[in-house]
Amino acid sequence: MTFELLLAEGKVKPQQITALHLLSAFAIIGSGSIFYFFSDQLKWWGAGLLVLGLLLAFTAMFRNKWLLNPERNRTFRILELMAALCLASFMAINRMWVPVAMFGILAVVILLAFYWEKGSGEQHVYISEEGIKLPFSSRKRFIDWREVDSVLYRYGTLTVECEGNKLYQWSIKKTRFERDEFERFCAKQAEANRSKRVKDW
């Protein structure tokens, strides 16, 4: 028997998406400012980068809900990636290695964001006879029943109490089972495996 619990919190938090947009915006604004104010040959490129960075920052701060739409978000990520790659290439041609590293790292982070932000973003906790499989965002991915003291599901919150006073909690969005049946199953598994704990000497 396996119980599946859908978490209220998605894989990627909205503030993380916004933070990366703002980071990209500030990097573009900084480069644009340097080009515009300190280089006569790159003045127009600097002006373009300043406008792009300011528009991105304005959108991320004041039109955040509009920006969080997956299609729009992906479009902005592509623009940010193109800007980061162009700036990294320009800096590499001019042998400015610190900005190359900065924009190279930014480009890699944006590429990772493409992977991380795609899909539904739903996270689940799975509870079965084998143990408790935790969501992707957890530091620990699996809890064996030997470690579990109790499992409670009350008022939309799943609480897993483990030995050594370790506590795991998640807000649950949706379930497809009876709470009493679930808690009986968890209590039975915890009790059956308590004797298998490795004792510290």
N, C-alpha and C. Protein backbone atom coordinates (compact mmCIF):
# COMPACT_ATOMS: atom_id res chain seq x y z
N MET A 1 0.84 -1.18 0.00
CA MET A 1 0.00 0.00 0.00
C MET A 1 0.89 1.25 0.00
N THR A 2 0.59 2.21 -0.87
CA THR A 2 1.35 3.46 -0.95
C THR A 2 0.39 4.64 -0.86
N PHE A 3 0.71 5.56 0.03
CA PHE A 3 -0.06 6.80 0.19
C PHE A 3 0.71 7.93 -0.49
N GLU A 4 0.00 8.69 -1.33
CA GLU A 4 0.62 9.80 -2.04
C GLU A 4 0.02 11.11 -1.53
N LEU A 5 0.88 12.03 -1.10
CA LEU A 5 0.43 13.31 -0.56
C LEU A 5 1.03 14.42 -1.40
N LEU A 6 0.17 15.24 -2.00
CA LEU A 6 0.61 16.36 -2.83
C LEU A 6 0.89 17.58 -1.95
N LEU A 7 2.10 18.11 -2.04
CA LEU A 7 2.49 19.26 -1.23
C LEU A 7 1.90 20.55 -1.80
N ALA A 8 1.58 21.48 -0.90
CA ALA A 8 1.06 22.78 -1.32
C ALA A 8 2.16 23.61 -1.97
N GLU A 9 3.39 23.38 -1.56
CA GLU A 9 4.52 24.16 -2.09
C GLU A 9 5.10 23.47 -3.31
N GLY A 10 5.31 24.23 -4.38
CA GLY A 10 5.87 23.69 -5.61
C GLY A 10 7.37 23.48 -5.51
N LYS A 11 7.93 22.89 -6.58
CA LYS A 11 9.37 22.61 -6.61
C LYS A 11 10.18 23.90 -6.59
N VAL A 12 9.69 24.91 -7.31
CA VAL A 12 10.38 26.20 -7.37
C VAL A 12 9.48 27.26 -6.76
N LYS A 13 10.02 28.03 -5.83
CA LYS A 13 9.24 29.08 -5.19
C LYS A 13 9.23 30.33 -6.07
N PRO A 14 8.12 31.07 -6.10
CA PRO A 14 8.05 32.28 -6.93
C PRO A 14 9.16 33.28 -6.63
N GLN A 15 9.53 33.40 -5.36
CA GLN A 15 10.58 34.36 -5.02
C GLN A 15 11.94 33.96 -5.58
N GLN A 16 12.16 32.65 -5.80
CA GLN A 16 13.42 32.21 -6.41
C GLN A 16 13.47 32.59 -7.88
N ILE A 17 12.33 32.46 -8.57
CA ILE A 17 12.25 32.86 -9.98
C ILE A 17 12.51 34.36 -10.11
N THR A 18 11.85 35.14 -9.26
CA THR A 18 12.00 36.60 -9.29
C THR A 18 13.43 37.01 -8.95
N ALA A 19 14.04 36.35 -7.97
CA ALA A 19 15.41 36.70 -7.57
C ALA A 19 16.39 36.52 -8.72
N LEU A 20 16.24 35.45 -9.52
CA LEU A 20 17.15 35.24 -10.64
C LEU A 20 16.92 36.29 -11.73
N HIS A 21 15.67 36.67 -11.96
CA HIS A 21 15.39 37.75 -12.93
C HIS A 21 16.06 39.05 -12.47
N LEU A 22 15.96 39.36 -11.18
CA LEU A 22 16.57 40.59 -10.66
C LEU A 22 18.09 40.54 -10.72
N LEU A 23 18.67 39.37 -10.43
CA LEU A 23 20.12 39.21 -10.52
C LEU A 23 20.59 39.47 -11.95
N SER A 24 19.88 38.90 -12.92
CA SER A 24 20.23 39.13 -14.33
C SER A 24 20.08 40.60 -14.69
N ALA A 25 19.00 41.21 -14.22
CA ALA A 25 18.75 42.63 -14.53
C ALA A 25 19.87 43.51 -13.99
N PHE A 26 20.29 43.28 -12.75
CA PHE A 26 21.34 44.11 -12.15
C PHE A 26 22.69 43.90 -12.84
N ALA A 27 22.97 42.66 -13.26
CA ALA A 27 24.22 42.41 -13.99
C ALA A 27 24.22 43.14 -15.33
N ILE A 28 23.07 43.12 -16.03
CA ILE A 28 22.96 43.81 -17.33
C ILE A 28 23.03 45.32 -17.13
N ILE A 29 22.36 45.84 -16.11
CA ILE A 29 22.40 47.28 -15.82
C ILE A 29 23.83 47.72 -15.50
N GLY A 30 24.53 46.94 -14.69
CA GLY A 30 25.91 47.28 -14.34
C GLY A 30 26.81 47.34 -15.55
N SER A 31 26.71 46.35 -16.43
CA SER A 31 27.54 46.34 -17.64
C SER A 31 27.16 47.48 -18.57
N GLY A 32 25.86 47.70 -18.72
CA GLY A 32 25.41 48.80 -19.57
C GLY A 32 25.90 50.15 -19.07
N SER A 33 25.89 50.34 -17.76
CA SER A 33 26.36 51.61 -17.17
C SER A 33 27.83 51.82 -17.45
N ILE A 34 28.63 50.76 -17.28
CA ILE A 34 30.07 50.88 -17.54
C ILE A 34 30.33 51.20 -19.01
N PHE A 35 29.63 50.50 -19.91
CA PHE A 35 29.81 50.77 -21.34
C PHE A 35 29.38 52.20 -21.69
N TYR A 36 28.25 52.63 -21.15
CA TYR A 36 27.68 53.94 -21.52
C TYR A 36 28.53 55.09 -20.98
N PHE A 37 28.97 55.00 -19.75
CA PHE A 37 29.65 56.14 -19.12
C PHE A 37 31.17 56.14 -19.31
N PHE A 38 31.78 54.99 -19.63
CA PHE A 38 33.24 54.94 -19.66
C PHE A 38 33.84 54.56 -21.01
N SER A 39 33.02 54.33 -22.01
CA SER A 39 33.56 53.95 -23.32
C SER A 39 32.80 54.66 -24.43
N ASP A 40 33.53 55.46 -25.22
CA ASP A 40 32.88 56.18 -26.32
C ASP A 40 32.45 55.22 -27.44
N GLN A 41 33.26 54.19 -27.71
CA GLN A 41 32.92 53.25 -28.79
C GLN A 41 31.70 52.39 -28.45
N LEU A 42 31.48 52.13 -27.16
CA LEU A 42 30.40 51.23 -26.74
C LEU A 42 29.20 51.95 -26.13
N LYS A 43 29.14 53.28 -26.37
CA LYS A 43 28.09 54.09 -25.73
C LYS A 43 26.69 53.59 -26.11
N TRP A 44 26.47 53.29 -27.40
CA TRP A 44 25.12 52.87 -27.83
C TRP A 44 24.80 51.46 -27.34
N TRP A 45 25.81 50.59 -27.32
CA TRP A 45 25.59 49.26 -26.76
C TRP A 45 25.23 49.37 -25.27
N GLY A 46 25.93 50.26 -24.60
CA GLY A 46 25.65 50.49 -23.18
C GLY A 46 24.23 50.99 -22.96
N ALA A 47 23.79 51.92 -23.83
CA ALA A 47 22.42 52.45 -23.71
C ALA A 47 21.39 51.33 -23.91
N GLY A 48 21.66 50.46 -24.89
CA GLY A 48 20.75 49.33 -25.13
C GLY A 48 20.68 48.38 -23.95
N LEU A 49 21.86 48.08 -23.38
CA LEU A 49 21.89 47.20 -22.21
C LEU A 49 21.21 47.84 -21.01
N LEU A 50 21.39 49.14 -20.83
CA LEU A 50 20.72 49.85 -19.74
C LEU A 50 19.21 49.75 -19.87
N VAL A 51 18.70 49.99 -21.07
CA VAL A 51 17.25 49.92 -21.30
C VAL A 51 16.75 48.50 -21.04
N LEU A 52 17.46 47.49 -21.57
CA LEU A 52 17.07 46.09 -21.36
C LEU A 52 17.06 45.73 -19.87
N GLY A 53 18.12 46.09 -19.17
CA GLY A 53 18.22 45.79 -17.74
C GLY A 53 17.15 46.48 -16.92
N LEU A 54 16.90 47.76 -17.22
CA LEU A 54 15.88 48.51 -16.48
C LEU A 54 14.47 47.96 -16.74
N LEU A 55 14.19 47.58 -17.99
CA LEU A 55 12.89 46.97 -18.30
C LEU A 55 12.71 45.65 -17.56
N LEU A 56 13.76 44.85 -17.54
CA LEU A 56 13.71 43.56 -16.83
C LEU A 56 13.51 43.77 -15.34
N ALA A 57 14.24 44.71 -14.74
CA ALA A 57 14.09 44.99 -13.31
C ALA A 57 12.69 45.51 -13.00
N PHE A 58 12.19 46.43 -13.84
CA PHE A 58 10.85 46.98 -13.64
C PHE A 58 9.79 45.88 -13.71
N THR A 59 9.92 45.00 -14.71
CA THR A 59 8.96 43.91 -14.88
C THR A 59 9.00 42.95 -13.69
N ALA A 60 10.21 42.60 -13.24
CA ALA A 60 10.35 41.67 -12.12
C ALA A 60 9.79 42.25 -10.82
N MET A 61 9.92 43.57 -10.63
CA MET A 61 9.47 44.18 -9.38
C MET A 61 7.99 44.57 -9.39
N PHE A 62 7.50 45.08 -10.51
CA PHE A 62 6.15 45.66 -10.52
C PHE A 62 5.13 44.86 -11.33
N ARG A 63 5.59 43.89 -12.14
CA ARG A 63 4.67 43.04 -12.91
C ARG A 63 5.02 41.57 -12.66
N ASN A 64 5.27 41.27 -11.39
CA ASN A 64 5.79 39.96 -11.03
C ASN A 64 4.81 38.83 -11.36
N LYS A 65 3.54 38.99 -11.04
CA LYS A 65 2.56 37.93 -11.32
C LYS A 65 2.45 37.67 -12.83
N TRP A 66 2.51 38.72 -13.61
CA TRP A 66 2.47 38.58 -15.07
C TRP A 66 3.70 37.82 -15.56
N LEU A 67 4.85 38.12 -14.97
CA LEU A 67 6.11 37.49 -15.36
C LEU A 67 6.19 36.02 -14.98
N LEU A 68 5.49 35.62 -13.92
CA LEU A 68 5.56 34.24 -13.44
C LEU A 68 4.81 33.24 -14.33
N ASN A 69 4.07 33.73 -15.32
CA ASN A 69 3.46 32.83 -16.29
C ASN A 69 4.57 32.03 -16.98
N PRO A 70 4.46 30.69 -17.07
CA PRO A 70 5.57 29.86 -17.60
C PRO A 70 6.07 30.28 -18.97
N GLU A 71 5.16 30.63 -19.90
CA GLU A 71 5.59 31.01 -21.26
C GLU A 71 6.36 32.32 -21.25
N ARG A 72 5.84 33.31 -20.52
CA ARG A 72 6.53 34.61 -20.45
C ARG A 72 7.86 34.46 -19.73
N ASN A 73 7.85 33.69 -18.66
CA ASN A 73 9.08 33.46 -17.90
C ASN A 73 10.16 32.86 -18.79
N ARG A 74 9.78 31.88 -19.61
CA ARG A 74 10.74 31.23 -20.51
C ARG A 74 11.30 32.23 -21.52
N THR A 75 10.43 33.11 -22.05
CA THR A 75 10.87 34.12 -23.01
C THR A 75 11.90 35.05 -22.38
N PHE A 76 11.64 35.49 -21.16
CA PHE A 76 12.57 36.38 -20.46
C PHE A 76 13.87 35.65 -20.14
N ARG A 77 13.80 34.38 -19.81
CA ARG A 77 15.01 33.60 -19.55
C ARG A 77 15.89 33.53 -20.81
N ILE A 78 15.25 33.36 -21.98
CA ILE A 78 16.01 33.31 -23.24
C ILE A 78 16.72 34.64 -23.48
N LEU A 79 16.03 35.76 -23.25
CA LEU A 79 16.65 37.08 -23.42
C LEU A 79 17.83 37.25 -22.45
N GLU A 80 17.63 36.84 -21.21
CA GLU A 80 18.71 36.95 -20.22
C GLU A 80 19.91 36.09 -20.61
N LEU A 81 19.64 34.87 -21.10
CA LEU A 81 20.72 33.97 -21.50
C LEU A 81 21.49 34.55 -22.68
N MET A 82 20.78 35.09 -23.66
CA MET A 82 21.45 35.70 -24.82
C MET A 82 22.33 36.86 -24.38
N ALA A 83 21.80 37.72 -23.50
CA ALA A 83 22.59 38.86 -23.01
C ALA A 83 23.82 38.38 -22.26
N ALA A 84 23.68 37.38 -21.38
CA ALA A 84 24.81 36.87 -20.61
C ALA A 84 25.87 36.25 -21.52
N LEU A 85 25.46 35.48 -22.52
CA LEU A 85 26.42 34.85 -23.44
C LEU A 85 27.13 35.89 -24.30
N CYS A 86 26.39 36.89 -24.78
CA CYS A 86 27.02 37.97 -25.58
C CYS A 86 28.04 38.73 -24.75
N LEU A 87 27.68 39.07 -23.53
CA LEU A 87 28.60 39.81 -22.67
C LEU A 87 29.82 38.97 -22.30
N ALA A 88 29.60 37.67 -22.02
CA ALA A 88 30.74 36.79 -21.71
C ALA A 88 31.67 36.68 -22.91
N SER A 89 31.11 36.56 -24.12
CA SER A 89 31.93 36.46 -25.33
C SER A 89 32.72 37.74 -25.56
N PHE A 90 32.06 38.90 -25.41
CA PHE A 90 32.74 40.19 -25.60
C PHE A 90 33.88 40.35 -24.61
N MET A 91 33.62 40.00 -23.35
CA MET A 91 34.67 40.13 -22.33
C MET A 91 35.83 39.16 -22.61
N ALA A 92 35.53 37.96 -23.11
CA ALA A 92 36.58 36.99 -23.43
C ALA A 92 37.45 37.49 -24.57
N ILE A 93 36.84 38.11 -25.61
CA ILE A 93 37.60 38.67 -26.73
C ILE A 93 38.56 39.75 -26.24
N ASN A 94 38.10 40.53 -25.25
CA ASN A 94 38.91 41.62 -24.71
C ASN A 94 39.76 41.20 -23.50
N ARG A 95 39.81 39.91 -23.23
CA ARG A 95 40.64 39.34 -22.16
C ARG A 95 40.36 39.95 -20.79
N MET A 96 39.08 40.15 -20.49
CA MET A 96 38.67 40.61 -19.16
C MET A 96 38.09 39.40 -18.45
N TRP A 97 38.94 38.67 -17.70
CA TRP A 97 38.59 37.34 -17.23
C TRP A 97 37.60 37.33 -16.07
N VAL A 98 37.63 38.34 -15.23
CA VAL A 98 36.66 38.37 -14.11
C VAL A 98 35.23 38.53 -14.63
N PRO A 99 34.95 39.49 -15.54
CA PRO A 99 33.59 39.56 -16.11
C PRO A 99 33.20 38.32 -16.90
N VAL A 100 34.21 37.69 -17.58
CA VAL A 100 33.91 36.44 -18.30
C VAL A 100 33.38 35.40 -17.33
N ALA A 101 34.06 35.25 -16.17
CA ALA A 101 33.62 34.28 -15.17
C ALA A 101 32.24 34.64 -14.64
N MET A 102 32.01 35.92 -14.39
CA MET A 102 30.72 36.36 -13.83
C MET A 102 29.57 36.04 -14.79
N PHE A 103 29.72 36.44 -16.06
CA PHE A 103 28.64 36.20 -17.02
C PHE A 103 28.55 34.74 -17.43
N GLY A 104 29.68 34.02 -17.39
CA GLY A 104 29.64 32.58 -17.66
C GLY A 104 28.84 31.85 -16.59
N ILE A 105 29.09 32.20 -15.33
CA ILE A 105 28.35 31.59 -14.22
C ILE A 105 26.87 31.94 -14.33
N LEU A 106 26.57 33.21 -14.65
CA LEU A 106 25.17 33.63 -14.81
C LEU A 106 24.49 32.83 -15.91
N ALA A 107 25.19 32.61 -17.04
CA ALA A 107 24.61 31.83 -18.14
C ALA A 107 24.32 30.40 -17.71
N VAL A 108 25.24 29.79 -16.95
CA VAL A 108 25.04 28.41 -16.47
C VAL A 108 23.84 28.35 -15.52
N VAL A 109 23.73 29.35 -14.64
CA VAL A 109 22.60 29.38 -13.70
C VAL A 109 21.28 29.52 -14.45
N ILE A 110 21.25 30.35 -15.49
CA ILE A 110 20.01 30.52 -16.28
C ILE A 110 19.66 29.22 -17.00
N LEU A 111 20.69 28.53 -17.52
CA LEU A 111 20.43 27.23 -18.17
C LEU A 111 19.86 26.22 -17.17
N LEU A 112 20.40 26.20 -15.95
CA LEU A 112 19.86 25.32 -14.91
C LEU A 112 18.42 25.71 -14.57
N ALA A 113 18.13 27.00 -14.58
CA ALA A 113 16.77 27.47 -14.29
C ALA A 113 15.79 26.96 -15.34
N PHE A 114 16.23 26.89 -16.62
CA PHE A 114 15.36 26.32 -17.67
C PHE A 114 14.92 24.92 -17.28
N TYR A 115 15.88 24.10 -16.83
CA TYR A 115 15.56 22.72 -16.44
C TYR A 115 14.71 22.69 -15.18
N TRP A 116 15.10 23.49 -14.19
CA TRP A 116 14.46 23.46 -12.88
C TRP A 116 13.01 23.96 -12.93
N GLU A 117 12.76 24.98 -13.76
CA GLU A 117 11.44 25.61 -13.79
C GLU A 117 10.45 24.94 -14.73
N LYS A 118 10.92 23.99 -15.55
CA LYS A 118 9.98 23.35 -16.48
C LYS A 118 9.16 22.29 -15.75
N GLY A 119 8.08 21.89 -16.36
CA GLY A 119 7.22 20.87 -15.76
C GLY A 119 6.21 21.47 -14.80
N SER A 120 5.48 20.60 -14.16
CA SER A 120 4.39 21.05 -13.28
C SER A 120 4.91 21.67 -11.99
N GLY A 121 6.09 21.22 -11.55
CA GLY A 121 6.63 21.74 -10.31
C GLY A 121 5.99 21.15 -9.06
N GLU A 122 5.14 20.14 -9.23
CA GLU A 122 4.48 19.53 -8.07
C GLU A 122 5.47 18.63 -7.32
N GLN A 123 5.30 18.60 -5.99
CA GLN A 123 6.12 17.75 -5.15
C GLN A 123 5.20 16.83 -4.35
N HIS A 124 5.68 15.62 -4.10
CA HIS A 124 4.89 14.63 -3.37
C HIS A 124 5.71 14.00 -2.25
N VAL A 125 4.98 13.53 -1.24
CA VAL A 125 5.55 12.64 -0.23
C VAL A 125 4.86 11.30 -0.44
N TYR A 126 5.66 10.22 -0.55
CA TYR A 126 5.12 8.88 -0.73
C TYR A 126 5.42 8.06 0.52
N ILE A 127 4.37 7.46 1.08
CA ILE A 127 4.52 6.65 2.28
C ILE A 127 4.06 5.23 1.97
N SER A 128 4.99 4.27 2.18
CA SER A 128 4.69 2.87 1.86
C SER A 128 5.33 1.97 2.92
N GLU A 129 5.23 0.64 2.71
CA GLU A 129 5.84 -0.30 3.65
C GLU A 129 7.36 -0.15 3.71
N GLU A 130 7.97 0.32 2.62
CA GLU A 130 9.43 0.47 2.59
C GLU A 130 9.91 1.65 3.44
N GLY A 131 9.10 2.69 3.51
CA GLY A 131 9.47 3.89 4.25
C GLY A 131 8.80 5.13 3.69
N ILE A 132 9.40 6.29 3.97
CA ILE A 132 8.82 7.57 3.56
C ILE A 132 9.76 8.23 2.57
N LYS A 133 9.28 8.39 1.33
CA LYS A 133 10.07 9.05 0.29
C LYS A 133 9.72 10.53 0.32
N LEU A 134 10.73 11.37 0.58
CA LEU A 134 10.53 12.80 0.76
C LEU A 134 10.60 13.54 -0.57
N PRO A 135 10.10 14.77 -0.61
CA PRO A 135 10.11 15.53 -1.87
C PRO A 135 11.53 15.88 -2.32
N PHE A 136 11.63 16.26 -3.58
CA PHE A 136 12.91 16.54 -4.22
C PHE A 136 13.69 17.65 -3.52
N SER A 137 12.99 18.62 -2.96
CA SER A 137 13.65 19.77 -2.35
C SER A 137 14.21 19.49 -0.95
N SER A 138 13.90 18.32 -0.38
CA SER A 138 14.40 17.98 0.95
C SER A 138 15.87 17.59 0.90
N ARG A 139 16.59 17.91 1.98
CA ARG A 139 18.00 17.52 2.04
C ARG A 139 18.11 16.00 2.13
N LYS A 140 17.23 15.40 2.90
CA LYS A 140 17.18 13.95 3.03
C LYS A 140 16.07 13.45 2.11
N ARG A 141 16.33 12.40 1.35
CA ARG A 141 15.35 11.94 0.36
C ARG A 141 14.50 10.77 0.83
N PHE A 142 14.94 10.06 1.90
CA PHE A 142 14.20 8.87 2.32
C PHE A 142 14.35 8.68 3.83
N ILE A 143 13.24 8.32 4.48
CA ILE A 143 13.26 8.00 5.92
C ILE A 143 12.82 6.55 6.08
N ASP A 144 13.66 5.75 6.68
CA ASP A 144 13.33 4.36 6.97
C ASP A 144 12.39 4.33 8.16
N TRP A 145 11.50 3.33 8.21
CA TRP A 145 10.54 3.23 9.32
C TRP A 145 11.23 3.05 10.67
N ARG A 146 12.46 2.53 10.67
CA ARG A 146 13.19 2.37 11.93
C ARG A 146 13.42 3.71 12.62
N GLU A 147 13.51 4.79 11.84
CA GLU A 147 13.80 6.12 12.39
C GLU A 147 12.55 6.84 12.88
N VAL A 148 11.37 6.36 12.49
CA VAL A 148 10.12 7.11 12.71
C VAL A 148 9.52 6.81 14.08
N ASP A 149 9.17 7.85 14.82
CA ASP A 149 8.43 7.71 16.08
C ASP A 149 6.93 7.80 15.83
N SER A 150 6.51 8.81 15.04
CA SER A 150 5.08 8.95 14.75
C SER A 150 4.88 9.77 13.48
N VAL A 151 3.71 9.56 12.86
CA VAL A 151 3.31 10.33 11.67
C VAL A 151 1.89 10.83 11.91
N LEU A 152 1.69 12.14 11.78
CA LEU A 152 0.36 12.73 11.96
C LEU A 152 -0.01 13.56 10.74
N TYR A 153 -1.30 13.48 10.38
CA TYR A 153 -1.82 14.33 9.31
C TYR A 153 -3.05 15.05 9.84
N ARG A 154 -2.86 16.31 10.23
CA ARG A 154 -3.95 17.09 10.82
C ARG A 154 -3.98 18.49 10.22
N TYR A 155 -5.19 18.97 9.93
CA TYR A 155 -5.41 20.34 9.47
C TYR A 155 -4.54 20.72 8.28
N GLY A 156 -4.39 19.77 7.35
CA GLY A 156 -3.63 20.05 6.13
C GLY A 156 -2.12 20.02 6.32
N THR A 157 -1.64 19.52 7.45
CA THR A 157 -0.19 19.47 7.71
C THR A 157 0.24 18.05 8.03
N LEU A 158 1.25 17.58 7.31
CA LEU A 158 1.84 16.27 7.57
C LEU A 158 3.06 16.48 8.47
N THR A 159 3.09 15.76 9.58
CA THR A 159 4.20 15.85 10.53
C THR A 159 4.80 14.46 10.71
N VAL A 160 6.11 14.35 10.49
CA VAL A 160 6.83 13.11 10.69
C VAL A 160 7.84 13.36 11.81
N GLU A 161 7.63 12.67 12.94
CA GLU A 161 8.56 12.82 14.08
C GLU A 161 9.48 11.61 14.09
N CYS A 162 10.79 11.89 14.12
CA CYS A 162 11.78 10.82 14.07
C CYS A 162 12.59 10.77 15.36
N GLU A 163 13.36 9.68 15.51
CA GLU A 163 14.21 9.55 16.69
C GLU A 163 15.21 10.70 16.74
N GLY A 164 15.61 11.04 17.94
CA GLY A 164 16.55 12.14 18.11
C GLY A 164 15.88 13.51 17.98
N ASN A 165 14.56 13.55 18.21
CA ASN A 165 13.78 14.80 18.14
C ASN A 165 13.86 15.50 16.79
N LYS A 166 14.01 14.75 15.71
CA LYS A 166 13.98 15.33 14.36
C LYS A 166 12.53 15.41 13.92
N LEU A 167 12.18 16.55 13.34
CA LEU A 167 10.78 16.78 12.95
C LEU A 167 10.75 17.27 11.50
N TYR A 168 9.89 16.66 10.69
CA TYR A 168 9.68 17.08 9.30
C TYR A 168 8.22 17.48 9.16
N GLN A 169 7.98 18.62 8.53
CA GLN A 169 6.59 19.08 8.34
C GLN A 169 6.40 19.65 6.95
N TRP A 170 5.22 19.39 6.36
CA TRP A 170 4.85 19.95 5.07
C TRP A 170 3.37 20.29 5.08
N SER A 171 3.02 21.35 4.36
CA SER A 171 1.61 21.66 4.11
C SER A 171 1.16 20.82 2.93
N ILE A 172 0.04 20.13 3.11
CA ILE A 172 -0.46 19.21 2.09
C ILE A 172 -1.64 19.84 1.36
N LYS A 173 -1.59 19.74 0.04
CA LYS A 173 -2.64 20.33 -0.80
C LYS A 173 -3.81 19.38 -1.00
N LYS A 174 -3.50 18.11 -1.26
CA LYS A 174 -4.56 17.18 -1.63
C LYS A 174 -4.17 15.75 -1.26
N THR A 175 -5.18 14.98 -0.79
CA THR A 175 -4.98 13.55 -0.51
C THR A 175 -6.17 12.79 -1.07
N ARG A 176 -5.97 11.47 -1.25
CA ARG A 176 -7.05 10.61 -1.76
C ARG A 176 -7.27 9.42 -0.83
N PHE A 177 -7.21 9.65 0.46
CA PHE A 177 -7.37 8.55 1.41
C PHE A 177 -8.00 9.07 2.69
N GLU A 178 -8.45 8.13 3.54
CA GLU A 178 -9.02 8.47 4.83
C GLU A 178 -7.90 8.70 5.84
N ARG A 179 -8.01 9.78 6.60
CA ARG A 179 -6.97 10.14 7.56
C ARG A 179 -6.75 9.05 8.61
N ASP A 180 -7.84 8.49 9.14
CA ASP A 180 -7.72 7.46 10.19
C ASP A 180 -6.99 6.23 9.68
N GLU A 181 -7.34 5.80 8.46
CA GLU A 181 -6.68 4.64 7.87
C GLU A 181 -5.18 4.91 7.67
N PHE A 182 -4.86 6.13 7.21
CA PHE A 182 -3.47 6.53 7.00
C PHE A 182 -2.68 6.51 8.30
N GLU A 183 -3.24 7.09 9.36
CA GLU A 183 -2.53 7.15 10.64
C GLU A 183 -2.38 5.78 11.27
N ARG A 184 -3.39 4.91 11.10
CA ARG A 184 -3.26 3.53 11.61
C ARG A 184 -2.12 2.81 10.91
N PHE A 185 -2.05 2.96 9.58
CA PHE A 185 -0.99 2.32 8.79
C PHE A 185 0.38 2.80 9.26
N CYS A 186 0.54 4.11 9.43
CA CYS A 186 1.83 4.68 9.85
C CYS A 186 2.21 4.23 11.25
N ALA A 187 1.24 4.21 12.17
CA ALA A 187 1.52 3.77 13.55
C ALA A 187 1.95 2.31 13.56
N LYS A 188 1.29 1.48 12.74
CA LYS A 188 1.63 0.05 12.66
C LYS A 188 3.06 -0.14 12.12
N GLN A 189 3.42 0.61 11.08
CA GLN A 189 4.76 0.49 10.49
C GLN A 189 5.84 0.97 11.47
N ALA A 190 5.57 2.08 12.15
CA ALA A 190 6.56 2.62 13.10
C ALA A 190 6.77 1.65 14.26
N GLU A 191 5.67 1.08 14.76
CA GLU A 191 5.76 0.15 15.89
C GLU A 191 6.48 -1.14 15.50
N ALA A 192 6.19 -1.64 14.29
CA ALA A 192 6.80 -2.89 13.83
C ALA A 192 8.30 -2.75 13.62
N ASN A 193 8.77 -1.56 13.29
CA ASN A 193 10.18 -1.36 12.97
C ASN A 193 11.00 -0.73 14.10
N ARG A 194 10.34 -0.37 15.19
CA ARG A 194 11.04 0.30 16.29
C ARG A 194 12.12 -0.60 16.91
N SER A 195 11.85 -1.88 16.97
CA SER A 195 12.82 -2.82 17.58
C SER A 195 14.05 -3.03 16.70
N LYS A 196 13.99 -2.61 15.43
CA LYS A 196 15.11 -2.81 14.50
C LYS A 196 16.12 -1.67 14.53
N ARG A 197 15.88 -0.68 15.39
CA ARG A 197 16.79 0.46 15.47
C ARG A 197 18.17 0.02 15.93
N VAL A 198 19.18 0.70 15.38
CA VAL A 198 20.56 0.44 15.79
C VAL A 198 20.81 1.27 17.03
N LYS A 199 21.16 0.59 18.12
CA LYS A 199 21.37 1.28 19.39
C LYS A 199 22.79 1.84 19.48
N ASP A 200 22.89 3.08 19.96
CA ASP A 200 24.20 3.70 20.19
C ASP A 200 24.75 3.21 21.52
N TRP A 201 26.04 2.92 21.53
CA TRP A 201 26.67 2.46 22.78
C TRP A 201 27.30 3.63 23.49
